[in-house]
C-alpha atoms as a PDB file:
ATOM      1  CA  MET A   1    -101.470  50.860 -42.880  1.00  0.00           C
ATOM      2  CA  MET A   2     -98.036  52.076 -41.833  1.00  0.00           C
ATOM      3  CA  LYS A   3     -94.853  50.316 -40.791  1.00  0.00           C
ATOM      4  CA  TRP A   4     -92.843  51.826 -37.956  1.00  0.00           C
ATOM      5  CA  ASN A   5     -89.240  50.921 -37.281  1.00  0.00           C
ATOM      6  CA  GLY A   6     -87.898  54.281 -36.143  1.00  0.00           C
ATOM      7  CA  SER A   7     -84.906  54.392 -33.851  1.00  0.00           C
ATOM      8  CA  PRO A   8     -85.572  55.502 -30.269  1.00  0.00           C
ATOM      9  CA  VAL A   9     -82.219  57.320 -30.385  1.00  0.00           C
ATOM     10  CA  LEU A  10     -82.156  60.909 -31.633  1.00  0.00           C
ATOM     11  CA  ILE A  11     -78.421  61.554 -31.339  1.00  0.00           C
ATOM     12  CA  GLU A  12     -75.476  59.350 -30.384  1.00  0.00           C
ATOM     13  CA  PHE A  13     -72.067  60.978 -30.223  1.00  0.00           C
ATOM     14  CA  SER A  14     -68.900  60.000 -28.318  1.00  0.00           C
ATOM     15  CA  GLY A  15     -70.803  57.726 -25.991  1.00  0.00           C
ATOM     16  CA  ILE A  16     -73.524  60.293 -25.335  1.00  0.00           C
ATOM     17  CA  VAL A  17     -76.979  59.042 -26.259  1.00  0.00           C
ATOM     18  CA  VAL A  18     -80.000  61.326 -26.528  1.00  0.00           C
ATOM     19  CA  ARG A  19     -83.283  59.456 -26.856  1.00  0.00           C
ATOM     20  CA  TYR A  20     -86.591  60.871 -28.045  1.00  0.00           C
ATOM     21  CA  TYR A  21     -88.224  59.607 -24.850  1.00  0.00           C
ATOM     22  CA  GLY A  22     -85.861  61.593 -22.642  1.00  0.00           C
ATOM     23  CA  LEU A  23     -86.169  64.609 -24.935  1.00  0.00           C
ATOM     24  CA  MET A  24     -89.947  64.578 -24.459  1.00  0.00           C
ATOM     25  CA  PHE A  25     -89.491  64.751 -20.692  1.00  0.00           C
ATOM     26  CA  VAL A  26     -87.031  67.628 -20.894  1.00  0.00           C
ATOM     27  CA  LEU A  27     -89.126  69.530 -23.440  1.00  0.00           C
ATOM     28  CA  GLY A  28     -92.312  68.989 -21.451  1.00  0.00           C
ATOM     29  CA  PHE A  29     -90.999  70.156 -18.100  1.00  0.00           C
ATOM     30  CA  THR A  30     -89.156  73.089 -19.676  1.00  0.00           C
ATOM     31  CA  LEU A  31     -92.365  74.306 -21.307  1.00  0.00           C
ATOM     32  CA  MET A  32     -94.239  73.696 -18.053  1.00  0.00           C
ATOM     33  CA  GLY A  33     -91.745  75.865 -16.187  1.00  0.00           C
ATOM     34  CA  GLU A  34     -92.000  78.742 -18.652  1.00  0.00           C
ATOM     35  CA  TYR A  35     -95.791  78.606 -18.707  1.00  0.00           C
ATOM     36  CA  SER A  36     -96.006  78.485 -14.913  1.00  0.00           C
ATOM     37  CA  LYS A  37     -93.750  81.521 -14.552  1.00  0.00           C
ATOM     38  CA  LYS A  38     -96.095  83.549 -16.746  1.00  0.00           C
ATOM     39  CA  ARG A  39     -99.131  82.463 -14.745  1.00  0.00           C
ATOM     40  CA  PHE A  40     -97.396  83.262 -11.451  1.00  0.00           C
ATOM     41  CA  ILE A  41     -96.584  86.754 -12.732  1.00  0.00           C
ATOM     42  CA  LYS A  42    -100.197  87.238 -13.869  1.00  0.00           C
ATOM     43  CA  TYR A  43    -101.518  86.382 -10.410  1.00  0.00           C
ATOM     44  CA  GLY A  44     -98.929  88.430  -8.565  1.00  0.00           C
ATOM     45  CA  LYS A  45     -96.910  85.482  -7.253  1.00  0.00           C
ATOM     46  CA  ASN A  46     -93.142  85.170  -7.154  1.00  0.00           C
ATOM     47  CA  PRO A  47     -92.136  83.472 -10.468  1.00  0.00           C
ATOM     48  CA  GLU A  48     -88.843  82.328  -8.950  1.00  0.00           C
ATOM     49  CA  LEU A  49     -90.800  79.769  -6.927  1.00  0.00           C
ATOM     50  CA  THR A  50     -91.722  77.821 -10.048  1.00  0.00           C
ATOM     51  CA  SER A  51     -88.260  76.243 -10.377  1.00  0.00           C
ATOM     52  CA  SER A  52     -88.429  74.590  -6.972  1.00  0.00           C
ATOM     53  CA  ILE A  53     -92.039  73.509  -7.536  1.00  0.00           C
ATOM     54  CA  ILE A  54     -91.135  71.919 -10.884  1.00  0.00           C
ATOM     55  CA  ASN A  55     -88.196  70.134  -9.238  1.00  0.00           C
ATOM     56  CA  TYR A  56     -90.544  68.700  -6.604  1.00  0.00           C
ATOM     57  CA  MET A  57     -92.899  67.579  -9.375  1.00  0.00           C
ATOM     58  CA  ILE A  58     -90.144  65.900 -11.372  1.00  0.00           C
ATOM     59  CA  ILE A  59     -88.855  63.961  -8.372  1.00  0.00           C
ATOM     60  CA  GLY A  60     -92.375  63.044  -7.272  1.00  0.00           C
ATOM     61  CA  MET A  61     -93.352  61.935 -10.761  1.00  0.00           C
ATOM     62  CA  PHE A  62     -90.343  59.654 -11.258  1.00  0.00           C
ATOM     63  CA  VAL A  63     -90.503  58.109  -7.794  1.00  0.00           C
ATOM     64  CA  GLY A  64     -94.271  57.629  -7.994  1.00  0.00           C
ATOM     65  CA  ALA A  65     -94.218  56.310 -11.558  1.00  0.00           C
ATOM     66  CA  ARG A  66     -91.455  53.838 -10.754  1.00  0.00           C
ATOM     67  CA  LEU A  67     -93.095  52.529  -7.593  1.00  0.00           C
ATOM     68  CA  GLY A  68     -96.454  52.410  -9.361  1.00  0.00           C
ATOM     69  CA  HIS A  69     -94.985  50.219 -12.084  1.00  0.00           C
ATOM     70  CA  CYS A  70     -93.262  47.931  -9.591  1.00  0.00           C
ATOM     71  CA  ILE A  71     -96.387  47.489  -7.450  1.00  0.00           C
ATOM     72  CA  PHE A  72     -99.146  47.309 -10.048  1.00  0.00           C
ATOM     73  CA  TYR A  73     -97.503  45.979 -13.188  1.00  0.00           C
ATOM     74  CA  ASP A  74     -94.642  43.652 -12.251  1.00  0.00           C
ATOM     75  CA  PHE A  75     -95.023  42.996  -8.522  1.00  0.00           C
ATOM     76  CA  ASP A  76     -93.756  39.387  -8.571  1.00  0.00           C
ATOM     77  CA  LEU A  77     -90.460  40.390 -10.183  1.00  0.00           C
ATOM     78  CA  TYR A  78     -89.713  43.282  -7.848  1.00  0.00           C
ATOM     79  CA  ILE A  79     -90.801  41.601  -4.614  1.00  0.00           C
ATOM     80  CA  LYS A  80     -88.337  38.805  -5.362  1.00  0.00           C
ATOM     81  CA  ASN A  81     -85.593  41.177  -6.574  1.00  0.00           C
ATOM     82  CA  PRO A  82     -86.038  44.537  -4.763  1.00  0.00           C
ATOM     83  CA  ILE A  83     -82.728  45.839  -6.127  1.00  0.00           C
ATOM     84  CA  GLU A  84     -84.362  45.880  -9.572  1.00  0.00           C
ATOM     85  CA  ILE A  85     -86.559  48.753  -8.398  1.00  0.00           C
ATOM     86  CA  LEU A  86     -83.529  51.041  -8.576  1.00  0.00           C
ATOM     87  CA  LYS A  87     -82.680  50.068 -12.163  1.00  0.00           C
ATOM     88  CA  ILE A  88     -84.903  52.694 -13.718  1.00  0.00           C
ATOM     89  CA  TRP A  89     -82.784  52.753 -16.885  1.00  0.00           C
ATOM     90  CA  LYS A  90     -84.310  49.384 -17.801  1.00  0.00           C
ATOM     91  CA  GLY A  91     -87.681  51.101 -18.180  1.00  0.00           C
ATOM     92  CA  GLY A  92     -90.909  50.756 -16.276  1.00  0.00           C
ATOM     93  CA  LEU A  93     -92.892  53.873 -15.320  1.00  0.00           C
ATOM     94  CA  ALA A  94     -96.621  53.896 -14.530  1.00  0.00           C
ATOM     95  CA  SER A  95     -98.529  57.099 -15.204  1.00  0.00           C
ATOM     96  CA  HIS A  96    -101.014  56.600 -12.362  1.00  0.00           C
ATOM     97  CA  GLY A  97     -98.126  56.321  -9.936  1.00  0.00           C
ATOM     98  CA  GLY A  98     -96.681  59.444 -11.530  1.00  0.00           C
ATOM     99  CA  TYR A  99     -99.935  61.318 -10.907  1.00  0.00           C
ATOM    100  CA  LEU A 100     -99.907  60.322  -7.260  1.00  0.00           C
ATOM    101  CA  GLY A 101     -96.237  61.229  -6.949  1.00  0.00           C
ATOM    102  CA  VAL A 102     -96.909  64.724  -8.307  1.00  0.00           C
ATOM    103  CA  PHE A 103     -99.849  65.228  -5.935  1.00  0.00           C
ATOM    104  CA  ILE A 104     -97.783  64.198  -2.919  1.00  0.00           C
ATOM    105  CA  SER A 105     -94.694  66.193  -3.918  1.00  0.00           C
ATOM    106  CA  VAL A 106     -96.676  69.416  -4.432  1.00  0.00           C
ATOM    107  CA  TRP A 107     -98.471  68.854  -1.113  1.00  0.00           C
ATOM    108  CA  LEU A 108     -95.078  68.482   0.594  1.00  0.00           C
ATOM    109  CA  TYR A 109     -93.910  71.681  -1.064  1.00  0.00           C
ATOM    110  CA  PHE A 110     -97.023  73.452   0.175  1.00  0.00           C
ATOM    111  CA  LYS A 111     -96.359  72.259   3.731  1.00  0.00           C
ATOM    112  CA  LYS A 112     -93.002  74.034   3.621  1.00  0.00           C
ATOM    113  CA  ASN A 113     -94.190  77.125   1.728  1.00  0.00           C
ATOM    114  CA  ARG A 114     -97.410  78.370   3.265  1.00  0.00           C
ATOM    115  CA  GLU A 115     -97.582  81.487   1.093  1.00  0.00           C
ATOM    116  CA  LEU A 116     -98.986  79.329  -1.714  1.00  0.00           C
ATOM    117  CA  SER A 117    -102.070  77.104  -1.846  1.00  0.00           C
ATOM    118  CA  PHE A 118    -101.816  73.452  -2.838  1.00  0.00           C
ATOM    119  CA  LEU A 119    -105.060  73.626  -4.818  1.00  0.00           C
ATOM    120  CA  TRP A 120    -104.073  76.882  -6.497  1.00  0.00           C
ATOM    121  CA  ILE A 121    -100.832  75.286  -7.673  1.00  0.00           C
ATOM    122  CA  MET A 122    -102.647  72.174  -8.919  1.00  0.00           C
ATOM    123  CA  ASP A 123    -105.206  74.272 -10.806  1.00  0.00           C
ATOM    124  CA  ILE A 124    -102.348  76.050 -12.565  1.00  0.00           C
ATOM    125  CA  ALA A 125    -100.346  72.865 -13.160  1.00  0.00           C
ATOM    126  CA  SER A 126    -103.101  70.516 -14.359  1.00  0.00           C
ATOM    127  CA  GLY A 127    -103.007  71.607 -18.004  1.00  0.00           C
ATOM    128  CA  PRO A 128     -99.191  71.584 -18.257  1.00  0.00           C
ATOM    129  CA  CYS A 129     -98.988  68.184 -16.513  1.00  0.00           C
ATOM    130  CA  LEU A 130    -101.308  66.557 -19.040  1.00  0.00           C
ATOM    131  CA  PHE A 131     -99.423  68.239 -21.873  1.00  0.00           C
ATOM    132  CA  VAL A 132     -96.253  66.607 -20.527  1.00  0.00           C
ATOM    133  CA  GLY A 133     -98.157  63.314 -20.399  1.00  0.00           C
ATOM    134  CA  GLY A 134     -98.971  63.673 -24.091  1.00  0.00           C
ATOM    135  CA  LEU A 135     -95.325  64.293 -24.941  1.00  0.00           C
ATOM    136  CA  ILE A 136     -94.289  61.227 -22.934  1.00  0.00           C
ATOM    137  CA  ARG A 137     -96.685  59.087 -24.968  1.00  0.00           C
ATOM    138  CA  VAL A 138     -95.023  60.428 -28.131  1.00  0.00           C
ATOM    139  CA  GLY A 139     -91.759  59.209 -26.599  1.00  0.00           C
ATOM    140  CA  ASN A 140     -93.362  55.797 -26.025  1.00  0.00           C
ATOM    141  CA  PHE A 141     -94.247  55.723 -29.720  1.00  0.00           C
ATOM    142  CA  PHE A 142     -90.620  56.331 -30.680  1.00  0.00           C
ATOM    143  CA  ASN A 143     -89.654  53.494 -28.330  1.00  0.00           C
ATOM    144  CA  SER A 144     -92.234  51.160 -29.917  1.00  0.00           C
ATOM    145  CA  GLU A 145     -93.642  50.421 -26.450  1.00  0.00           C
ATOM    146  CA  ILE A 146     -97.119  50.379 -24.880  1.00  0.00           C
ATOM    147  CA  VAL A 147     -98.404  49.107 -28.214  1.00  0.00           C
ATOM    148  CA  GLY A 148    -102.051  48.520 -28.990  1.00  0.00           C
ATOM    149  CA  LEU A 149    -103.971  45.349 -29.692  1.00  0.00           C
ATOM    150  CA  PRO A 150    -103.997  43.800 -33.183  1.00  0.00           C
ATOM    151  CA  THR A 151    -106.496  45.496 -35.492  1.00  0.00           C
ATOM    152  CA  LYS A 152    -107.537  45.844 -39.117  1.00  0.00           C
ATOM    153  CA  VAL A 153    -108.363  49.571 -39.015  1.00  0.00           C
ATOM    154  CA  PRO A 154    -106.856  51.559 -41.936  1.00  0.00           C
ATOM    155  CA  TRP A 155    -104.585  53.561 -39.625  1.00  0.00           C
ATOM    156  CA  ALA A 156    -103.086  50.475 -37.968  1.00  0.00           C
ATOM    157  CA  ILE A 157     -99.318  50.486 -37.497  1.00  0.00           C
ATOM    158  CA  ILE A 158     -96.908  47.564 -37.663  1.00  0.00           C
ATOM    159  CA  PHE A 159     -94.294  48.110 -34.948  1.00  0.00           C
ATOM    160  CA  GLU A 160     -91.500  46.156 -36.596  1.00  0.00           C
ATOM    161  CA  ARG A 161     -89.367  46.274 -33.447  1.00  0.00           C
ATOM    162  CA  VAL A 162     -92.138  44.313 -31.720  1.00  0.00           C
ATOM    163  CA  ASP A 163     -93.641  42.024 -34.395  1.00  0.00           C
ATOM    164  CA  ASN A 164     -95.243  42.112 -37.831  1.00  0.00           C
ATOM    165  CA  VAL A 165     -98.813  42.465 -36.595  1.00  0.00           C
ATOM    166  CA  PRO A 166    -100.907  45.572 -37.456  1.00  0.00           C
ATOM    167  CA  ARG A 167    -101.815  47.227 -34.164  1.00  0.00           C
ATOM    168  CA  HIS A 168    -103.647  50.212 -32.749  1.00  0.00           C
ATOM    169  CA  PRO A 169    -101.227  53.144 -32.259  1.00  0.00           C
ATOM    170  CA  ALA A 170    -102.441  53.370 -28.664  1.00  0.00           C
ATOM    171  CA  GLN A 171     -99.621  55.721 -27.660  1.00  0.00           C
ATOM    172  CA  LEU A 172    -100.759  58.255 -30.252  1.00  0.00           C
ATOM    173  CA  TYR A 173    -104.395  57.900 -29.188  1.00  0.00           C
ATOM    174  CA  GLU A 174    -103.362  58.766 -25.653  1.00  0.00           C
ATOM    175  CA  ALA A 175    -101.104  61.613 -26.751  1.00  0.00           C
ATOM    176  CA  ILE A 176    -103.890  63.213 -28.801  1.00  0.00           C
ATOM    177  CA  GLY A 177    -106.324  62.805 -25.924  1.00  0.00           C
ATOM    178  CA  TYR A 178    -103.991  64.326 -23.340  1.00  0.00           C
ATOM    179  CA  PHE A 179    -103.135  67.244 -25.612  1.00  0.00           C
ATOM    180  CA  THR A 180    -106.851  67.894 -26.162  1.00  0.00           C
ATOM    181  CA  ILE A 181    -107.696  67.732 -22.451  1.00  0.00           C
ATOM    182  CA  SER A 182    -104.734  69.942 -21.591  1.00  0.00           C
ATOM    183  CA  PHE A 183    -105.995  72.548 -24.077  1.00  0.00           C
ATOM    184  CA  ILE A 184    -109.421  72.490 -22.389  1.00  0.00           C
ATOM    185  CA  LEU A 185    -107.774  72.976 -18.993  1.00  0.00           C
ATOM    186  CA  PHE A 186    -105.584  75.786 -20.317  1.00  0.00           C
ATOM    187  CA  ARG A 187    -108.679  77.604 -21.540  1.00  0.00           C
ATOM    188  CA  MET A 188    -110.488  77.048 -18.260  1.00  0.00           C
ATOM    189  CA  GLU A 189    -107.576  78.433 -16.277  1.00  0.00           C
ATOM    190  CA  GLN A 190    -106.637  81.317 -18.568  1.00  0.00           C
ATOM    191  CA  LYS A 191    -110.001  82.744 -19.582  1.00  0.00           C
ATOM    192  CA  LYS A 192    -112.432  81.912 -16.810  1.00  0.00           C
ATOM    193  CA  PHE A 193    -110.257  81.316 -13.787  1.00  0.00           C
ATOM    194  CA  LEU A 194    -112.215  83.498 -11.382  1.00  0.00           C
ATOM    195  CA  ILE A 195    -115.522  81.694 -11.907  1.00  0.00           C
ATOM    196  CA  TRP A 196    -114.122  78.313 -10.828  1.00  0.00           C
ATOM    197  CA  PRO A 197    -113.752  77.550  -7.120  1.00  0.00           C
ATOM    198  CA  ARG A 198    -110.244  76.639  -6.077  1.00  0.00           C
ATOM    199  CA  GLY A 199    -109.541  72.984  -6.864  1.00  0.00           C
ATOM    200  CA  PHE A 200    -112.263  72.717  -9.527  1.00  0.00           C
ATOM    201  CA  ILE A 201    -109.873  72.596 -12.501  1.00  0.00           C
ATOM    202  CA  PHE A 202    -107.698  70.058 -10.685  1.00  0.00           C
ATOM    203  CA  ALA A 203    -110.688  67.774 -10.081  1.00  0.00           C
ATOM    204  CA  VAL A 204    -111.869  68.096 -13.693  1.00  0.00           C
ATOM    205  CA  ALA A 205    -108.355  67.206 -14.874  1.00  0.00           C
ATOM    206  CA  ILE A 206    -108.359  63.988 -12.853  1.00  0.00           C
ATOM    207  CA  ILE A 207    -111.808  62.965 -14.051  1.00  0.00           C
ATOM    208  CA  LEU A 208    -111.310  63.738 -17.754  1.00  0.00           C
ATOM    209  CA  SER A 209    -107.837  62.232 -18.054  1.00  0.00           C
ATOM    210  CA  CYS A 210    -108.658  59.040 -16.160  1.00  0.00           C
ATOM    211  CA  LEU A 211    -111.994  58.410 -17.887  1.00  0.00           C
ATOM    212  CA  PHE A 212    -110.273  58.934 -21.224  1.00  0.00           C
ATOM    213  CA  ARG A 213    -107.509  56.544 -20.171  1.00  0.00           C
ATOM    214  CA  PHE A 214    -110.116  53.941 -19.136  1.00  0.00           C
ATOM    215  CA  PHE A 215    -111.599  53.802 -22.640  1.00  0.00           C
ATOM    216  CA  ILE A 216    -108.240  53.935 -24.452  1.00  0.00           C
ATOM    217  CA  GLU A 217    -107.135  50.867 -22.483  1.00  0.00           C
ATOM    218  CA  PHE A 218    -109.589  48.795 -24.556  1.00  0.00           C
ATOM    219  CA  THR A 219    -107.183  49.257 -27.490  1.00  0.00           C
ATOM    220  CA  LYS A 220    -104.005  48.415 -25.555  1.00  0.00           C
ATOM    221  CA  ALA A 221    -102.214  45.146 -24.905  1.00  0.00           C
ATOM    222  CA  GLU A 222    -102.264  43.951 -21.289  1.00  0.00           C
ATOM    223  CA  GLN A 223     -99.214  45.105 -19.347  1.00  0.00           C
ATOM    224  CA  SER A 224     -99.891  43.625 -15.907  1.00  0.00           C
ATOM    225  CA  SER A 225    -100.368  40.068 -14.705  1.00  0.00           C
ATOM    226  CA  LEU A 226    -102.185  41.242 -11.557  1.00  0.00           C
ATOM    227  CA  SER A 227    -105.497  41.853 -13.317  1.00  0.00           C
ATOM    228  CA  GLY A 228    -105.610  38.138 -14.155  1.00  0.00           C
ATOM    229  CA  SER A 229    -108.939  37.036 -15.634  1.00  0.00           C
ATOM    230  CA  LEU A 230    -110.765  40.270 -14.792  1.00  0.00           C
ATOM    231  CA  PRO A 231    -112.794  41.837 -17.647  1.00  0.00           C
ATOM    232  CA  ILE A 232    -110.761  45.044 -17.370  1.00  0.00           C
ATOM    233  CA  ASN A 233    -107.012  45.518 -17.108  1.00  0.00           C
ATOM    234  CA  MET A 234    -104.860  47.160 -14.447  1.00  0.00           C
ATOM    235  CA  GLY A 235    -104.768  50.509 -16.244  1.00  0.00           C
ATOM    236  CA  GLN A 236    -108.581  50.563 -16.261  1.00  0.00           C
ATOM    237  CA  ILE A 237    -108.836  49.537 -12.604  1.00  0.00           C
ATOM    238  CA  LEU A 238    -106.519  52.381 -11.596  1.00  0.00           C
ATOM    239  CA  SER A 239    -108.262  54.830 -13.931  1.00  0.00           C
ATOM    240  CA  LEU A 240    -111.647  54.035 -12.420  1.00  0.00           C
ATOM    241  CA  ALA A 241    -110.281  54.450  -8.912  1.00  0.00           C
ATOM    242  CA  PHE A 242    -108.722  57.825  -9.755  1.00  0.00           C
ATOM    243  CA  SER A 243    -111.902  58.942 -11.555  1.00  0.00           C
ATOM    244  CA  LEU A 244    -114.003  58.180  -8.484  1.00  0.00           C
ATOM    245  CA  ILE A 245    -111.545  60.096  -6.315  1.00  0.00           C
ATOM    246  CA  GLY A 246    -111.806  62.999  -8.768  1.00  0.00           C
ATOM    247  CA  VAL A 247    -115.625  62.958  -8.637  1.00  0.00           C
ATOM    248  CA  PHE A 248    -115.588  62.816  -4.825  1.00  0.00           C
ATOM    249  CA  PHE A 249    -113.149  65.718  -4.727  1.00  0.00           C
ATOM    250  CA  LEU A 250    -115.177  67.727  -7.266  1.00  0.00           C
ATOM    251  CA  VAL A 251    -118.353  67.329  -5.191  1.00  0.00           C
ATOM    252  CA  LYS A 252    -116.490  68.475  -2.076  1.00  0.00           C
ATOM    253  CA  VAL A 253    -115.108  71.519  -3.900  1.00  0.00           C
ATOM    254  CA  ILE A 254    -118.547  72.509  -5.192  1.00  0.00           C
ATOM    255  CA  LYS A 255    -120.233  72.036  -1.816  1.00  0.00           C
ATOM    256  CA  LYS A 256    -117.502  73.929   0.008  1.00  0.00           C
ATOM    257  CA  ASN A 257    -117.791  76.861  -2.377  1.00  0.00           C
ATOM    258  CA  ALA A 258    -121.573  76.958  -2.707  1.00  0.00           C
ATOM    259  CA  GLY A 259    -122.555  80.600  -2.969  1.00  0.00           C
ATOM    260  CA  VAL A 260    -118.962  81.773  -3.465  1.00  0.00           C
ATOM    261  CA  THR A 261    -118.613  83.571  -6.804  1.00  0.00           C
ATOM    262  CA  SER A 262    -115.057  84.894  -6.703  1.00  0.00           C
ATOM    263  CA  PRO A 263    -112.529  82.811  -4.754  1.00  0.00           C
ATOM    264  CA  SER A 264    -109.330  84.376  -3.576  1.00  0.00           C
ATOM    265  CA  HIS A 265    -106.262  82.858  -5.150  1.00  0.00           C
END
């Protein structure tokens, strides 16, 4: 059993505060940008386009994650005090909303830049996006937030900034899972890209990440009052919904590309 009381602040100097959580975002999107440039070059696309795509993703992720949190996790507070929605510095980002925000932002980018395919971009970006998700969960660990349920397992952690109860390190479970899934997606995209129909990797990413999230939620403390007395929590409800969308999309991709062995990207 381990006790955790680490500071969420990495550096504080002359009024400038650098937090681990923010560092994980910056590190994640920087690595995503560099990786995407290399993949664009490999497939003969203009690597300069990656900067604008990443910017769209960042904006979409933050807007979607914030609105997702306000709607699904603390609706009563924000419907009574809408101005609180803008106070993002107080915390409150929902990953499912972030997913949706990224999807919509990339689709909007595609609408303005027809030389690229939405599904091609999402196939490339799926692995990096989940890698960023893993880094964000590491940031949550440093913040002692999104803690797990009380447990007696040997690897339980006491988050002293929260209470003195041994809990599941749910943030680390999620981080490990997202890193693992992102590695699988990287391998799918890098080594066998031409055998997958366009959109296949994207659909697999949705299904794997959301099913994994569904089961991890059994170790996490409830974060939303909207799920009430339901046997599953809000994170699981959203994960199931996204998983079903992913399965529906995967079936459509397979049917559309039946008999096609080498899609043009």
